[in-house]
PDB file of N, CA and C in Angstrom:
ATOM      1  N   MET A   1     -35.601  65.987 -52.542  1.00  0.00           N
ATOM      2  CA  MET A   1     -34.119  66.929 -51.651  1.00  0.00           C
ATOM      3  C   MET A   1     -33.798  65.947 -50.263  1.00  0.00           C
ATOM      4  N   GLY A   2     -32.402  65.776 -50.471  1.00  0.00           N
ATOM      5  CA  GLY A   2     -32.167  64.997 -49.007  1.00  0.00           C
ATOM      6  C   GLY A   2     -32.602  65.807 -47.724  1.00  0.00           C
ATOM      7  N   ALA A   3     -32.171  64.570 -46.731  1.00  0.00           N
ATOM      8  CA  ALA A   3     -32.070  65.781 -46.067  1.00  0.00           C
ATOM      9  C   ALA A   3     -30.527  66.707 -44.724  1.00  0.00           C
ATOM     10  N   LYS A   4     -30.990  68.109 -44.024  1.00  0.00           N
ATOM     11  CA  LYS A   4     -30.069  69.198 -44.008  1.00  0.00           C
ATOM     12  C   LYS A   4     -28.949  68.473 -42.525  1.00  0.00           C
ATOM     13  N   VAL A   5     -27.850  68.412 -42.870  1.00  0.00           N
ATOM     14  CA  VAL A   5     -27.357  68.380 -41.674  1.00  0.00           C
ATOM     15  C   VAL A   5     -26.188  68.917 -41.329  1.00  0.00           C
ATOM     16  N   SER A   6     -25.777  69.302 -40.004  1.00  0.00           N
ATOM     17  CA  SER A   6     -24.708  70.206 -39.297  1.00  0.00           C
ATOM     18  C   SER A   6     -23.609  69.089 -38.964  1.00  0.00           C
ATOM     19  N   ILE A   7     -22.844  68.708 -39.571  1.00  0.00           N
ATOM     20  CA  ILE A   7     -21.126  67.779 -38.007  1.00  0.00           C
ATOM     21  C   ILE A   7     -19.875  69.388 -38.159  1.00  0.00           C
ATOM     22  N   SER A   8     -19.719  68.523 -37.297  1.00  0.00           N
ATOM     23  CA  SER A   8     -17.973  69.773 -36.732  1.00  0.00           C
ATOM     24  C   SER A   8     -17.032  68.539 -37.981  1.00  0.00           C
ATOM     25  N   LEU A   9     -16.059  69.592 -38.310  1.00  0.00           N
ATOM     26  CA  LEU A   9     -15.043  69.086 -38.571  1.00  0.00           C
ATOM     27  C   LEU A   9     -13.997  69.330 -37.871  1.00  0.00           C
ATOM     28  N   THR A  10     -12.563  68.997 -38.285  1.00  0.00           N
ATOM     29  CA  THR A  10     -11.414  69.449 -37.789  1.00  0.00           C
ATOM     30  C   THR A  10     -11.082  70.365 -39.099  1.00  0.00           C
ATOM     31  N   GLU A  11      -9.841  72.055 -38.578  1.00  0.00           N
ATOM     32  CA  GLU A  11      -9.936  72.320 -39.371  1.00  0.00           C
ATOM     33  C   GLU A  11      -8.719  71.421 -40.261  1.00  0.00           C
ATOM     34  N   LYS A  12      -8.674  71.099 -40.270  1.00  0.00           N
ATOM     35  CA  LYS A  12      -7.434  69.536 -41.831  1.00  0.00           C
ATOM     36  C   LYS A  12      -8.373  69.308 -42.568  1.00  0.00           C
ATOM     37  N   MET A  13      -9.232  68.931 -41.406  1.00  0.00           N
ATOM     38  CA  MET A  13     -10.752  68.290 -42.192  1.00  0.00           C
ATOM     39  C   MET A  13     -11.482  69.241 -43.634  1.00  0.00           C
ATOM     40  N   MET A  14     -11.273  70.352 -43.024  1.00  0.00           N
ATOM     41  CA  MET A  14     -12.021  70.805 -43.920  1.00  0.00           C
ATOM     42  C   MET A  14     -10.882  71.749 -44.917  1.00  0.00           C
ATOM     43  N   ALA A  15      -9.577  72.203 -44.389  1.00  0.00           N
ATOM     44  CA  ALA A  15      -8.794  72.226 -45.898  1.00  0.00           C
ATOM     45  C   ALA A  15      -8.570  71.146 -46.496  1.00  0.00           C
ATOM     46  N   GLU A  16      -9.170  70.282 -46.532  1.00  0.00           N
ATOM     47  CA  GLU A  16      -8.858  68.852 -47.196  1.00  0.00           C
ATOM     48  C   GLU A  16      -9.885  68.628 -48.058  1.00  0.00           C
ATOM     49  N   ILE A  17     -11.608  69.006 -47.981  1.00  0.00           N
ATOM     50  CA  ILE A  17     -12.353  69.387 -48.371  1.00  0.00           C
ATOM     51  C   ILE A  17     -12.770  70.008 -49.398  1.00  0.00           C
ATOM     52  N   LYS A  18     -12.248  71.152 -48.835  1.00  0.00           N
ATOM     53  CA  LYS A  18     -11.690  72.600 -49.909  1.00  0.00           C
ATOM     54  C   LYS A  18     -10.691  72.134 -50.976  1.00  0.00           C
ATOM     55  N   GLN A  19      -9.889  71.900 -51.072  1.00  0.00           N
ATOM     56  CA  GLN A  19      -8.834  71.227 -51.900  1.00  0.00           C
ATOM     57  C   GLN A  19      -9.537  70.754 -52.512  1.00  0.00           C
ATOM     58  N   ARG A  20     -10.214  69.623 -52.523  1.00  0.00           N
ATOM     59  CA  ARG A  20     -10.636  68.184 -53.380  1.00  0.00           C
ATOM     60  C   ARG A  20     -11.963  69.544 -54.348  1.00  0.00           C
ATOM     61  N   ILE A  21     -12.807  69.609 -53.569  1.00  0.00           N
ATOM     62  CA  ILE A  21     -12.946  71.054 -54.499  1.00  0.00           C
ATOM     63  C   ILE A  21     -12.979  72.199 -54.957  1.00  0.00           C
ATOM     64  N   ASP A  22     -11.649  73.076 -54.776  1.00  0.00           N
ATOM     65  CA  ASP A  22     -10.628  73.759 -55.656  1.00  0.00           C
ATOM     66  C   ASP A  22     -10.260  72.701 -56.852  1.00  0.00           C
ATOM     67  N   ASN A  23      -9.445  72.132 -56.678  1.00  0.00           N
ATOM     68  CA  ASN A  23      -9.117  71.350 -57.789  1.00  0.00           C
ATOM     69  C   ASN A  23      -9.674  70.876 -58.784  1.00  0.00           C
ATOM     70  N   GLY A  24     -11.587  70.668 -58.238  1.00  0.00           N
ATOM     71  CA  GLY A  24     -11.824  70.357 -59.349  1.00  0.00           C
ATOM     72  C   GLY A  24     -12.397  68.747 -59.398  1.00  0.00           C
ATOM     73  N   GLU A  25     -11.924  68.279 -57.947  1.00  0.00           N
ATOM     74  CA  GLU A  25     -13.144  66.618 -58.279  1.00  0.00           C
ATOM     75  C   GLU A  25     -14.144  66.291 -57.473  1.00  0.00           C
ATOM     76  N   TYR A  26     -14.141  67.362 -56.341  1.00  0.00           N
ATOM     77  CA  TYR A  26     -15.819  66.945 -55.883  1.00  0.00           C
ATOM     78  C   TYR A  26     -16.240  68.767 -56.345  1.00  0.00           C
ATOM     79  N   THR A  27     -17.748  69.019 -56.424  1.00  0.00           N
ATOM     80  CA  THR A  27     -18.251  70.738 -56.788  1.00  0.00           C
ATOM     81  C   THR A  27     -18.421  71.180 -55.056  1.00  0.00           C
ATOM     82  N   SER A  28     -19.064  70.017 -54.394  1.00  0.00           N
ATOM     83  CA  SER A  28     -19.912  70.252 -52.899  1.00  0.00           C
ATOM     84  C   SER A  28     -18.946  69.808 -51.902  1.00  0.00           C
ATOM     85  N   VAL A  29     -19.746  70.065 -50.674  1.00  0.00           N
ATOM     86  CA  VAL A  29     -18.849  69.854 -49.280  1.00  0.00           C
ATOM     87  C   VAL A  29     -19.883  68.155 -49.133  1.00  0.00           C
ATOM     88  N   SER A  30     -21.085  68.267 -49.664  1.00  0.00           N
ATOM     89  CA  SER A  30     -21.813  67.829 -49.329  1.00  0.00           C
ATOM     90  C   SER A  30     -21.538  67.057 -50.842  1.00  0.00           C
ATOM     91  N   GLU A  31     -20.592  66.885 -51.455  1.00  0.00           N
ATOM     92  CA  GLU A  31     -20.491  65.791 -52.608  1.00  0.00           C
ATOM     93  C   GLU A  31     -19.180  64.972 -52.105  1.00  0.00           C
ATOM     94  N   VAL A  32     -18.455  65.459 -51.292  1.00  0.00           N
ATOM     95  CA  VAL A  32     -17.540  64.776 -50.939  1.00  0.00           C
ATOM     96  C   VAL A  32     -18.136  63.689 -49.704  1.00  0.00           C
ATOM     97  N   VAL A  33     -18.599  64.481 -48.739  1.00  0.00           N
ATOM     98  CA  VAL A  33     -18.957  63.261 -48.063  1.00  0.00           C
ATOM     99  C   VAL A  33     -19.973  62.214 -48.272  1.00  0.00           C
ATOM    100  N   ARG A  34     -20.286  62.900 -49.611  1.00  0.00           N
ATOM    101  CA  ARG A  34     -21.389  60.829 -50.323  1.00  0.00           C
ATOM    102  C   ARG A  34     -19.707  60.945 -50.616  1.00  0.00           C
ATOM    103  N   ALA A  35     -19.153  61.203 -50.887  1.00  0.00           N
ATOM    104  CA  ALA A  35     -18.135  59.924 -51.672  1.00  0.00           C
ATOM    105  C   ALA A  35     -17.049  59.693 -50.644  1.00  0.00           C
ATOM    106  N   GLY A  36     -17.390  60.139 -49.259  1.00  0.00           N
ATOM    107  CA  GLY A  36     -16.957  59.812 -48.174  1.00  0.00           C
ATOM    108  C   GLY A  36     -17.592  58.312 -47.233  1.00  0.00           C
ATOM    109  N   LEU A  37     -18.592  58.811 -47.357  1.00  0.00           N
ATOM    110  CA  LEU A  37     -19.846  57.648 -47.439  1.00  0.00           C
ATOM    111  C   LEU A  37     -19.702  56.149 -47.643  1.00  0.00           C
ATOM    112  N   ARG A  38     -19.853  56.264 -48.871  1.00  0.00           N
ATOM    113  CA  ARG A  38     -19.623  55.312 -50.132  1.00  0.00           C
ATOM    114  C   ARG A  38     -18.802  54.648 -49.652  1.00  0.00           C
ATOM    115  N   SER A  39     -17.458  54.816 -49.582  1.00  0.00           N
ATOM    116  CA  SER A  39     -15.449  54.582 -49.650  1.00  0.00           C
ATOM    117  C   SER A  39     -15.909  54.150 -48.648  1.00  0.00           C
ATOM    118  N   LEU A  40     -16.060  54.257 -46.971  1.00  0.00           N
ATOM    119  CA  LEU A  40     -16.811  53.278 -45.393  1.00  0.00           C
ATOM    120  C   LEU A  40     -17.523  52.355 -45.802  1.00  0.00           C
ATOM    121  N   SER A  41     -19.295  52.116 -46.457  1.00  0.00           N
ATOM    122  CA  SER A  41     -19.283  51.648 -47.395  1.00  0.00           C
ATOM    123  C   SER A  41     -18.761  50.145 -47.825  1.00  0.00           C
ATOM    124  N   ARG A  42     -18.143  50.533 -49.189  1.00  0.00           N
ATOM    125  CA  ARG A  42     -17.111  49.986 -49.635  1.00  0.00           C
ATOM    126  C   ARG A  42     -16.304  49.169 -48.854  1.00  0.00           C
ATOM    127  N   ASP A  43     -15.627  49.456 -47.988  1.00  0.00           N
ATOM    128  CA  ASP A  43     -14.362  49.146 -47.372  1.00  0.00           C
ATOM    129  C   ASP A  43     -15.158  48.172 -45.994  1.00  0.00           C
ATOM    130  N   GLU A  44     -16.091  48.520 -45.352  1.00  0.00           N
ATOM    131  CA  GLU A  44     -16.489  47.792 -44.246  1.00  0.00           C
ATOM    132  C   GLU A  44     -17.215  46.294 -45.194  1.00  0.00           C
ATOM    133  N   GLU A  45     -18.420  46.602 -45.643  1.00  0.00           N
ATOM    134  CA  GLU A  45     -18.391  45.473 -46.831  1.00  0.00           C
ATOM    135  C   GLU A  45     -17.456  44.630 -46.666  1.00  0.00           C
ATOM    136  N   GLU A  46     -16.229  44.831 -47.500  1.00  0.00           N
ATOM    137  CA  GLU A  46     -14.921  44.045 -47.885  1.00  0.00           C
ATOM    138  C   GLU A  46     -14.629  43.544 -46.354  1.00  0.00           C
ATOM    139  N   HIS A  47     -14.585  44.363 -46.202  1.00  0.00           N
ATOM    140  CA  HIS A  47     -13.948  43.850 -44.292  1.00  0.00           C
ATOM    141  C   HIS A  47     -15.295  43.462 -43.997  1.00  0.00           C
ATOM    142  N   ARG A  48     -16.045  42.960 -44.260  1.00  0.00           N
ATOM    143  CA  ARG A  48     -16.744  41.369 -44.154  1.00  0.00           C
ATOM    144  C   ARG A  48     -16.883  40.393 -44.849  1.00  0.00           C
ATOM    145  N   GLU A  49     -16.327  40.715 -46.133  1.00  0.00           N
ATOM    146  CA  GLU A  49     -16.825  39.570 -46.826  1.00  0.00           C
ATOM    147  C   GLU A  49     -14.709  38.964 -46.563  1.00  0.00           C
ATOM    148  N   ARG A  50     -14.015  39.761 -46.027  1.00  0.00           N
ATOM    149  CA  ARG A  50     -12.530  38.963 -45.085  1.00  0.00           C
ATOM    150  C   ARG A  50     -12.721  37.693 -44.523  1.00  0.00           C
ATOM    151  N   ILE A  51     -13.879  38.743 -43.511  1.00  0.00           N
ATOM    152  CA  ILE A  51     -13.754  38.302 -42.044  1.00  0.00           C
ATOM    153  C   ILE A  51     -14.961  37.109 -42.472  1.00  0.00           C
ATOM    154  N   GLU A  52     -15.690  36.605 -43.257  1.00  0.00           N
ATOM    155  CA  GLU A  52     -16.292  35.899 -43.852  1.00  0.00           C
ATOM    156  C   GLU A  52     -15.571  34.500 -44.222  1.00  0.00           C
ATOM    157  N   ALA A  53     -14.231  34.676 -45.288  1.00  0.00           N
ATOM    158  CA  ALA A  53     -13.983  34.041 -45.787  1.00  0.00           C
ATOM    159  C   ALA A  53     -12.716  33.079 -44.576  1.00  0.00           C
ATOM    160  N   ILE A  54     -12.460  34.390 -43.883  1.00  0.00           N
ATOM    161  CA  ILE A  54     -11.128  33.072 -43.556  1.00  0.00           C
ATOM    162  C   ILE A  54     -12.344  32.716 -42.287  1.00  0.00           C
ATOM    163  N   ARG A  55     -13.468  33.086 -42.082  1.00  0.00           N
ATOM    164  CA  ARG A  55     -14.168  31.312 -40.739  1.00  0.00           C
ATOM    165  C   ARG A  55     -14.941  30.869 -41.536  1.00  0.00           C
ATOM    166  N   THR A  56     -14.781  30.703 -42.326  1.00  0.00           N
ATOM    167  CA  THR A  56     -15.205  29.318 -43.466  1.00  0.00           C
ATOM    168  C   THR A  56     -13.761  28.744 -43.528  1.00  0.00           C
ATOM    169  N   ARG A  57     -12.593  29.158 -44.101  1.00  0.00           N
ATOM    170  CA  ARG A  57     -11.349  28.249 -43.638  1.00  0.00           C
ATOM    171  C   ARG A  57     -10.795  27.551 -42.186  1.00  0.00           C
ATOM    172  N   ILE A  58     -11.683  28.476 -41.199  1.00  0.00           N
ATOM    173  CA  ILE A  58     -10.847  28.059 -40.194  1.00  0.00           C
ATOM    174  C   ILE A  58     -12.094  27.391 -39.697  1.00  0.00           C
ATOM    175  N   GLY A  59     -13.180  27.012 -40.194  1.00  0.00           N
ATOM    176  CA  GLY A  59     -14.154  26.066 -40.433  1.00  0.00           C
ATOM    177  C   GLY A  59     -14.010  24.291 -40.960  1.00  0.00           C
ATOM    178  N   ALA A  60     -13.463  25.476 -42.600  1.00  0.00           N
ATOM    179  CA  ALA A  60     -12.764  23.853 -43.463  1.00  0.00           C
ATOM    180  C   ALA A  60     -11.791  23.202 -42.497  1.00  0.00           C
ATOM    181  N   SER A  61     -11.488  23.805 -42.111  1.00  0.00           N
ATOM    182  CA  SER A  61      -9.703  24.047 -41.331  1.00  0.00           C
ATOM    183  C   SER A  61      -9.901  22.554 -40.199  1.00  0.00           C
ATOM    184  N   LEU A  62     -10.930  23.131 -39.206  1.00  0.00           N
ATOM    185  CA  LEU A  62     -11.359  22.123 -38.215  1.00  0.00           C
ATOM    186  C   LEU A  62     -12.515  20.965 -38.504  1.00  0.00           C
ATOM    187  N   ASP A  63     -12.747  21.158 -39.391  1.00  0.00           N
ATOM    188  CA  ASP A  63     -13.798  19.937 -39.912  1.00  0.00           C
ATOM    189  C   ASP A  63     -12.815  19.076 -40.663  1.00  0.00           C
ATOM    190  N   ASP A  64     -11.057  19.417 -41.296  1.00  0.00           N
ATOM    191  CA  ASP A  64     -10.309  18.397 -41.632  1.00  0.00           C
ATOM    192  C   ASP A  64     -10.076  17.166 -40.755  1.00  0.00           C
ATOM    193  N   PRO A  65     -10.792  16.224 -41.725  1.00  0.00           N
ATOM    194  CA  PRO A  65     -10.535  15.200 -40.913  1.00  0.00           C
ATOM    195  C   PRO A  65      -9.081  13.994 -40.945  1.00  0.00           C
ATOM    196  N   ARG A  66      -8.215  14.767 -41.904  1.00  0.00           N
ATOM    197  CA  ARG A  66      -6.946  15.083 -41.683  1.00  0.00           C
ATOM    198  C   ARG A  66      -6.256  15.032 -40.156  1.00  0.00           C
ATOM    199  N   PRO A  67      -5.010  13.975 -40.136  1.00  0.00           N
ATOM    200  CA  PRO A  67      -4.418  14.733 -38.641  1.00  0.00           C
ATOM    201  C   PRO A  67      -4.104  16.159 -38.242  1.00  0.00           C
ATOM    202  N   ALA A  68      -3.868  16.367 -37.335  1.00  0.00           N
ATOM    203  CA  ALA A  68      -3.333  17.965 -37.246  1.00  0.00           C
ATOM    204  C   ALA A  68      -1.898  17.205 -37.390  1.00  0.00           C
ATOM    205  N   VAL A  69      -1.009  18.973 -37.033  1.00  0.00           N
ATOM    206  CA  VAL A  69       0.036  18.744 -37.511  1.00  0.00           C
ATOM    207  C   VAL A  69       0.603  19.520 -36.399  1.00  0.00           C
ATOM    208  N   PRO A  70       1.496  18.792 -34.747  1.00  0.00           N
ATOM    209  CA  PRO A  70       1.385  19.591 -34.057  1.00  0.00           C
ATOM    210  C   PRO A  70       2.567  20.534 -33.851  1.00  0.00           C
ATOM    211  N   ALA A  71       2.814  22.181 -33.267  1.00  0.00           N
ATOM    212  CA  ALA A  71       2.773  23.214 -33.805  1.00  0.00           C
ATOM    213  C   ALA A  71       4.230  23.004 -33.530  1.00  0.00           C
ATOM    214  N   LYS A  72       5.054  22.237 -32.772  1.00  0.00           N
ATOM    215  CA  LYS A  72       6.276  21.723 -33.010  1.00  0.00           C
ATOM    216  C   LYS A  72       6.606  21.358 -34.516  1.00  0.00           C
ATOM    217  N   ASP A  73       6.271  20.114 -34.863  1.00  0.00           N
ATOM    218  CA  ASP A  73       6.796  19.771 -36.066  1.00  0.00           C
ATOM    219  C   ASP A  73       6.127  20.908 -37.415  1.00  0.00           C
ATOM    220  N   ALA A  74       5.479  21.994 -37.267  1.00  0.00           N
ATOM    221  CA  ALA A  74       4.893  23.250 -38.261  1.00  0.00           C
ATOM    222  C   ALA A  74       6.114  23.960 -38.455  1.00  0.00           C
ATOM    223  N   PHE A  75       6.242  24.920 -36.987  1.00  0.00           N
ATOM    224  CA  PHE A  75       7.095  25.787 -36.702  1.00  0.00           C
ATOM    225  C   PHE A  75       8.092  24.583 -37.132  1.00  0.00           C
ATOM    226  N   GLU A  76       9.171  23.481 -37.008  1.00  0.00           N
ATOM    227  CA  GLU A  76      10.443  23.157 -38.110  1.00  0.00           C
ATOM    228  C   GLU A  76      10.094  22.829 -39.619  1.00  0.00           C
ATOM    229  N   ARG A  77       9.036  22.200 -39.778  1.00  0.00           N
ATOM    230  CA  ARG A  77       8.913  22.722 -40.940  1.00  0.00           C
ATOM    231  C   ARG A  77       8.950  23.842 -41.475  1.00  0.00           C
ATOM    232  N   ILE A  78       8.470  24.880 -41.023  1.00  0.00           N
ATOM    233  CA  ILE A  78       8.829  25.944 -41.915  1.00  0.00           C
ATOM    234  C   ILE A  78      10.052  26.402 -41.641  1.00  0.00           C
ATOM    235  N   ARG A  79      10.689  26.600 -40.552  1.00  0.00           N
ATOM    236  CA  ARG A  79      11.631  26.579 -40.404  1.00  0.00           C
ATOM    237  C   ARG A  79      13.682  25.766 -41.298  1.00  0.00           C
ATOM    238  N   ASN A  80      12.866  24.723 -41.820  1.00  0.00           N
ATOM    239  CA  ASN A  80      13.379  24.319 -42.719  1.00  0.00           C
ATOM    240  C   ASN A  80      13.397  24.774 -44.016  1.00  0.00           C
ATOM    241  N   GLY A  81      12.309  25.217 -44.112  1.00  0.00           N
ATOM    242  CA  GLY A  81      11.729  25.748 -45.588  1.00  0.00           C
ATOM    243  C   GLY A  81      12.386  27.465 -45.842  1.00  0.00           C
ATOM    244  N   LEU A  82      12.483  28.630 -44.792  1.00  0.00           N
ATOM    245  CA  LEU A  82      12.678  29.345 -44.599  1.00  0.00           C
ATOM    246  C   LEU A  82      14.359  29.268 -44.833  1.00  0.00           C
ATOM    247  N   LEU A  83      14.833  28.241 -44.336  1.00  0.00           N
ATOM    248  CA  LEU A  83      16.590  28.299 -44.172  1.00  0.00           C
ATOM    249  C   LEU A  83      16.821  27.747 -45.625  1.00  0.00           C
ATOM    250  N   GLN A  84      16.167  26.919 -46.505  1.00  0.00           N
ATOM    251  CA  GLN A  84      16.795  26.477 -47.151  1.00  0.00           C
ATOM    252  C   GLN A  84      16.399  27.589 -48.521  1.00  0.00           C
ATOM    253  N   ARG A  85      15.363  28.508 -48.588  1.00  0.00           N
ATOM    254  CA  ARG A  85      15.015  29.075 -48.700  1.00  0.00           C
ATOM    255  C   ARG A  85      16.087  30.728 -49.361  1.00  0.00           C
ATOM    256  N   TYR A  86      16.918  30.923 -47.870  1.00  0.00           N
ATOM    257  CA  TYR A  86      17.463  31.242 -48.641  1.00  0.00           C
ATOM    258  C   TYR A  86      19.125  31.085 -47.833  1.00  0.00           C
ATOM    259  N   SER A  87      19.526  30.073 -47.894  1.00  0.00           N
ATOM    260  CA  SER A  87      20.527  29.151 -47.135  1.00  0.00           C
ATOM    261  C   SER A  87      21.628  30.383 -48.502  1.00  0.00           C
ATOM    262  N   GLY A  88      21.518  30.712 -49.620  1.00  0.00           N
ATOM    263  CA  GLY A  88      22.183  30.765 -50.783  1.00  0.00           C
ATOM    264  C   GLY A  88      22.450  32.386 -51.226  1.00  0.00           C
ATOM    265  N   ARG A  89      21.667  32.946 -50.485  1.00  0.00           N
ATOM    266  CA  ARG A  89      22.088  34.398 -50.199  1.00  0.00           C
ATOM    267  C   ARG A  89      22.743  34.941 -49.836  1.00  0.00           C
TER     268      ARG A  89
END
């Protein structure tokens, strides 16, 4: 059996928990809390994976031997591309 804990929740949170139990989604407050913690863990893991992917892409970009495009030129290319894309509307 798990450890017993006491937590304080807002009335709104308790109402949501009660509604989920009344709707049959969960059978107890503990079940709702456990589901919430599992969801939080998944979200945090996905966030860590996204951050790592971004770091990898930044590292690859910094290590890219091709010459960098000056910001002015990059923005001009973007601007021209958008103008071409949306000029027919």
